[in-house]
Amino acid sequence: MSNAYDIIKRPVITEQSMENVADKKYVFMVDINAAKPEIKAAVEEIFGVQVEKVTTLRMQGKQKRTGAYPMGRRPAYKKAMVKLTKDSKTIEFFEGMV
């Protein structure tokens, strides 16, 4: 099993993801090969919270123009939406952004 910091790469900060922070739902970009139990364990270890549910979504890389060269492609990635239990504390990283 990988290190927790290898599984959770970075948080996803968008308007849509910030609307769900009040409901204790957080979005992270994770390793593309990570499974739901690994993501749950990594979030619990890093932030010291209790995770109720993990939902994952694989995003395909978009095509990108590169001038006169053939079309390129951005890399594919995986997002994880993490919902915390009601009695769990919030993740402090997101508190100042709402």
N, C-alpha and C. Protein backbone atom coordinates (compact mmCIF):
# COMPACT_ATOMS: atom_id res chain seq x y z
N MET A 1 0.84 -1.18 0.00
CA MET A 1 0.00 0.00 0.00
C MET A 1 0.89 1.24 0.00
N SER A 2 0.46 2.27 -0.71
CA SER A 2 1.23 3.49 -0.83
C SER A 2 1.10 4.36 0.41
N ASN A 3 1.93 5.36 0.47
CA ASN A 3 1.85 6.37 1.51
C ASN A 3 0.55 7.16 1.33
N ALA A 4 -0.02 7.69 2.39
CA ALA A 4 -1.27 8.45 2.31
C ALA A 4 -1.11 9.69 1.44
N TYR A 5 0.07 10.29 1.47
CA TYR A 5 0.31 11.49 0.67
C TYR A 5 0.54 11.16 -0.80
N ASP A 6 0.81 9.91 -1.13
CA ASP A 6 0.90 9.50 -2.53
C ASP A 6 -0.49 9.28 -3.11
N ILE A 7 -1.45 8.93 -2.28
CA ILE A 7 -2.82 8.68 -2.74
C ILE A 7 -3.57 9.99 -2.93
N ILE A 8 -3.53 10.88 -1.93
CA ILE A 8 -4.21 12.17 -2.02
C ILE A 8 -3.22 13.17 -2.60
N LYS A 9 -3.47 13.62 -3.84
CA LYS A 9 -2.53 14.52 -4.50
C LYS A 9 -2.78 15.98 -4.13
N ARG A 10 -4.03 16.45 -4.28
CA ARG A 10 -4.33 17.84 -3.97
C ARG A 10 -5.85 18.02 -3.87
N PRO A 11 -6.30 19.08 -3.19
CA PRO A 11 -7.74 19.35 -3.16
C PRO A 11 -8.17 20.01 -4.47
N VAL A 12 -9.44 19.84 -4.81
CA VAL A 12 -10.01 20.50 -5.98
C VAL A 12 -10.78 21.72 -5.47
N ILE A 13 -10.34 22.90 -5.86
CA ILE A 13 -10.93 24.14 -5.39
C ILE A 13 -11.70 24.77 -6.56
N THR A 14 -13.01 24.55 -6.61
CA THR A 14 -13.88 25.16 -7.60
C THR A 14 -15.12 25.68 -6.89
N GLU A 15 -15.92 26.47 -7.59
CA GLU A 15 -17.15 26.98 -6.99
C GLU A 15 -18.08 25.85 -6.59
N GLN A 16 -18.20 24.87 -7.46
CA GLN A 16 -19.10 23.76 -7.18
C GLN A 16 -18.63 22.93 -5.99
N SER A 17 -17.32 22.71 -5.88
CA SER A 17 -16.84 21.91 -4.75
C SER A 17 -16.92 22.70 -3.44
N MET A 18 -16.80 24.02 -3.49
CA MET A 18 -16.86 24.83 -2.28
C MET A 18 -18.30 24.95 -1.74
N GLU A 19 -19.30 24.79 -2.60
CA GLU A 19 -20.69 24.83 -2.14
C GLU A 19 -21.01 23.65 -1.22
N ASN A 20 -20.33 22.54 -1.40
CA ASN A 20 -20.60 21.33 -0.63
C ASN A 20 -19.82 21.25 0.68
N VAL A 21 -18.96 22.22 0.95
CA VAL A 21 -18.15 22.18 2.17
C VAL A 21 -19.05 22.29 3.41
N ALA A 22 -20.13 23.06 3.31
CA ALA A 22 -21.04 23.20 4.46
C ALA A 22 -21.70 21.87 4.81
N ASP A 23 -21.85 20.97 3.85
CA ASP A 23 -22.44 19.65 4.08
C ASP A 23 -21.37 18.60 4.40
N LYS A 24 -20.14 19.04 4.66
CA LYS A 24 -19.01 18.17 4.96
C LYS A 24 -18.69 17.22 3.81
N LYS A 25 -18.74 17.76 2.58
CA LYS A 25 -18.35 17.02 1.39
C LYS A 25 -17.14 17.73 0.78
N TYR A 26 -16.07 16.98 0.56
CA TYR A 26 -14.83 17.55 0.05
C TYR A 26 -14.39 16.80 -1.19
N VAL A 27 -13.70 17.50 -2.10
CA VAL A 27 -13.26 16.90 -3.36
C VAL A 27 -11.74 16.95 -3.41
N PHE A 28 -11.13 15.81 -3.76
CA PHE A 28 -9.68 15.70 -3.87
C PHE A 28 -9.32 15.06 -5.20
N MET A 29 -8.16 15.45 -5.73
CA MET A 29 -7.58 14.74 -6.86
C MET A 29 -6.71 13.64 -6.26
N VAL A 30 -6.93 12.41 -6.71
CA VAL A 30 -6.24 11.27 -6.11
C VAL A 30 -5.47 10.49 -7.17
N ASP A 31 -4.68 9.54 -6.72
CA ASP A 31 -3.94 8.66 -7.63
C ASP A 31 -4.93 7.89 -8.49
N ILE A 32 -4.62 7.76 -9.76
CA ILE A 32 -5.55 7.15 -10.71
C ILE A 32 -5.79 5.67 -10.42
N ASN A 33 -4.88 5.00 -9.70
CA ASN A 33 -5.03 3.58 -9.38
C ASN A 33 -5.54 3.34 -7.96
N ALA A 34 -5.87 4.40 -7.23
CA ALA A 34 -6.30 4.25 -5.83
C ALA A 34 -7.74 3.74 -5.76
N ALA A 35 -7.99 2.83 -4.84
CA ALA A 35 -9.32 2.28 -4.61
C ALA A 35 -10.01 3.07 -3.50
N LYS A 36 -11.32 2.91 -3.39
CA LYS A 36 -12.10 3.66 -2.38
C LYS A 36 -11.64 3.40 -0.95
N PRO A 37 -11.36 2.16 -0.55
CA PRO A 37 -10.88 1.95 0.83
C PRO A 37 -9.53 2.62 1.10
N GLU A 38 -8.65 2.66 0.09
CA GLU A 38 -7.37 3.34 0.24
C GLU A 38 -7.56 4.84 0.39
N ILE A 39 -8.47 5.42 -0.38
CA ILE A 39 -8.75 6.85 -0.30
C ILE A 39 -9.33 7.19 1.06
N LYS A 40 -10.26 6.38 1.53
CA LYS A 40 -10.86 6.60 2.84
C LYS A 40 -9.82 6.58 3.95
N ALA A 41 -8.94 5.58 3.92
CA ALA A 41 -7.90 5.47 4.94
C ALA A 41 -6.93 6.64 4.87
N ALA A 42 -6.59 7.10 3.66
CA ALA A 42 -5.65 8.20 3.50
C ALA A 42 -6.22 9.51 4.04
N VAL A 43 -7.50 9.80 3.76
CA VAL A 43 -8.12 11.02 4.25
C VAL A 43 -8.23 10.99 5.76
N GLU A 44 -8.60 9.84 6.32
CA GLU A 44 -8.70 9.72 7.77
C GLU A 44 -7.34 9.90 8.44
N GLU A 45 -6.29 9.39 7.81
CA GLU A 45 -4.95 9.50 8.37
C GLU A 45 -4.42 10.94 8.29
N ILE A 46 -4.58 11.57 7.15
CA ILE A 46 -4.01 12.91 6.95
C ILE A 46 -4.73 13.97 7.77
N PHE A 47 -6.06 13.97 7.73
CA PHE A 47 -6.84 15.04 8.34
C PHE A 47 -7.43 14.69 9.70
N GLY A 48 -7.37 13.43 10.12
CA GLY A 48 -7.89 13.04 11.42
C GLY A 48 -9.40 13.16 11.53
N VAL A 49 -10.12 12.76 10.49
CA VAL A 49 -11.58 12.83 10.44
C VAL A 49 -12.15 11.42 10.24
N GLN A 50 -13.49 11.31 10.30
CA GLN A 50 -14.17 10.04 10.05
C GLN A 50 -14.93 10.16 8.74
N VAL A 51 -14.62 9.29 7.80
CA VAL A 51 -15.23 9.32 6.47
C VAL A 51 -16.42 8.38 6.43
N GLU A 52 -17.54 8.89 5.93
CA GLU A 52 -18.75 8.08 5.78
C GLU A 52 -18.82 7.42 4.41
N LYS A 53 -18.51 8.19 3.35
CA LYS A 53 -18.70 7.68 1.99
C LYS A 53 -17.65 8.28 1.07
N VAL A 54 -17.20 7.48 0.10
CA VAL A 54 -16.26 7.94 -0.92
C VAL A 54 -16.85 7.63 -2.28
N THR A 55 -16.92 8.64 -3.14
CA THR A 55 -17.38 8.48 -4.51
C THR A 55 -16.24 8.89 -5.43
N THR A 56 -15.93 8.09 -6.42
CA THR A 56 -14.82 8.39 -7.32
C THR A 56 -15.33 8.62 -8.73
N LEU A 57 -14.51 9.35 -9.50
CA LEU A 57 -14.85 9.69 -10.87
C LEU A 57 -13.56 9.80 -11.67
N ARG A 58 -13.48 9.05 -12.76
CA ARG A 58 -12.30 9.13 -13.64
C ARG A 58 -12.57 10.17 -14.72
N MET A 59 -11.67 11.12 -14.84
CA MET A 59 -11.80 12.20 -15.82
C MET A 59 -10.81 11.95 -16.95
N GLN A 60 -11.30 11.93 -18.17
CA GLN A 60 -10.42 11.77 -19.32
C GLN A 60 -9.76 13.10 -19.64
N GLY A 61 -8.52 13.05 -20.10
CA GLY A 61 -7.80 14.26 -20.45
C GLY A 61 -8.40 14.91 -21.69
N LYS A 62 -8.43 16.22 -21.69
CA LYS A 62 -8.99 16.96 -22.83
C LYS A 62 -7.95 17.06 -23.94
N GLN A 63 -8.44 17.18 -25.17
CA GLN A 63 -7.53 17.43 -26.28
C GLN A 63 -7.10 18.88 -26.23
N LYS A 64 -5.86 19.12 -26.57
CA LYS A 64 -5.28 20.45 -26.50
C LYS A 64 -4.59 20.76 -27.80
N ARG A 65 -4.85 21.94 -28.36
CA ARG A 65 -4.18 22.34 -29.59
C ARG A 65 -2.75 22.72 -29.30
N THR A 66 -1.88 22.38 -30.21
CA THR A 66 -0.46 22.70 -30.04
C THR A 66 0.07 23.42 -31.28
N GLY A 67 -0.70 24.33 -31.83
CA GLY A 67 -0.26 25.08 -33.01
C GLY A 67 -0.30 24.22 -34.25
N ALA A 68 0.80 24.18 -34.99
CA ALA A 68 0.86 23.44 -36.24
C ALA A 68 1.05 21.95 -36.02
N TYR A 69 1.38 21.55 -34.80
CA TYR A 69 1.62 20.14 -34.52
C TYR A 69 0.30 19.40 -34.36
N PRO A 70 0.35 18.08 -34.36
CA PRO A 70 -0.89 17.32 -34.13
C PRO A 70 -1.47 17.62 -32.74
N MET A 71 -2.72 17.28 -32.59
CA MET A 71 -3.40 17.53 -31.32
C MET A 71 -2.72 16.77 -30.19
N GLY A 72 -2.57 17.44 -29.06
CA GLY A 72 -2.03 16.81 -27.88
C GLY A 72 -3.18 16.46 -26.94
N ARG A 73 -2.85 15.90 -25.79
CA ARG A 73 -3.88 15.53 -24.84
C ARG A 73 -3.35 15.78 -23.43
N ARG A 74 -4.19 16.38 -22.61
CA ARG A 74 -3.86 16.54 -21.21
C ARG A 74 -3.99 15.19 -20.51
N PRO A 75 -3.29 14.99 -19.42
CA PRO A 75 -3.36 13.66 -18.77
C PRO A 75 -4.71 13.41 -18.10
N ALA A 76 -5.10 12.15 -18.05
CA ALA A 76 -6.32 11.75 -17.35
C ALA A 76 -6.04 11.77 -15.85
N TYR A 77 -7.10 11.97 -15.05
CA TYR A 77 -6.94 11.99 -13.60
C TYR A 77 -8.19 11.44 -12.94
N LYS A 78 -8.12 11.28 -11.63
CA LYS A 78 -9.22 10.71 -10.87
C LYS A 78 -9.58 11.65 -9.73
N LYS A 79 -10.88 11.90 -9.56
CA LYS A 79 -11.37 12.74 -8.47
C LYS A 79 -12.09 11.87 -7.47
N ALA A 80 -12.03 12.27 -6.20
CA ALA A 80 -12.75 11.56 -5.15
C ALA A 80 -13.55 12.58 -4.35
N MET A 81 -14.87 12.34 -4.24
CA MET A 81 -15.74 13.15 -3.40
C MET A 81 -15.90 12.40 -2.08
N VAL A 82 -15.48 13.04 -1.00
CA VAL A 82 -15.46 12.42 0.32
C VAL A 82 -16.50 13.09 1.20
N LYS A 83 -17.39 12.28 1.78
CA LYS A 83 -18.40 12.79 2.71
C LYS A 83 -18.03 12.33 4.11
N LEU A 84 -18.00 13.28 5.05
CA LEU A 84 -17.65 12.97 6.43
C LEU A 84 -18.90 12.64 7.23
N THR A 85 -18.72 11.94 8.34
CA THR A 85 -19.85 11.63 9.22
C THR A 85 -20.31 12.90 9.92
N LYS A 86 -21.53 12.86 10.47
CA LYS A 86 -22.09 14.05 11.12
C LYS A 86 -21.34 14.44 12.38
N ASP A 87 -20.82 13.46 13.11
CA ASP A 87 -20.11 13.77 14.35
C ASP A 87 -18.61 14.03 14.13
N SER A 88 -18.15 13.98 12.90
CA SER A 88 -16.74 14.22 12.60
C SER A 88 -16.46 15.72 12.56
N LYS A 89 -15.23 16.08 12.86
CA LYS A 89 -14.84 17.49 12.74
C LYS A 89 -14.64 17.83 11.27
N THR A 90 -14.60 19.13 10.95
CA THR A 90 -14.40 19.54 9.57
C THR A 90 -12.91 19.56 9.24
N ILE A 91 -12.60 19.66 7.96
CA ILE A 91 -11.21 19.75 7.53
C ILE A 91 -10.84 21.23 7.54
N GLU A 92 -9.85 21.59 8.35
CA GLU A 92 -9.50 22.98 8.57
C GLU A 92 -8.96 23.67 7.33
N PHE A 93 -8.41 22.92 6.40
CA PHE A 93 -7.83 23.50 5.19
C PHE A 93 -8.86 24.28 4.39
N PHE A 94 -10.11 23.80 4.37
CA PHE A 94 -11.16 24.39 3.55
C PHE A 94 -11.92 25.51 4.25
N GLU A 95 -11.73 25.72 5.55
CA GLU A 95 -12.55 26.65 6.30
C GLU A 95 -12.39 28.09 5.84
N GLY A 96 -11.23 28.55 5.52
CA GLY A 96 -11.01 29.94 5.12
C GLY A 96 -11.42 30.24 3.70
N MET A 97 -11.77 29.25 2.91
CA MET A 97 -12.06 29.44 1.50
C MET A 97 -13.53 29.60 1.19
N VAL A 98 -14.38 29.33 2.16
CA VAL A 98 -15.83 29.38 1.90
C VAL A 98 -16.33 30.78 2.02
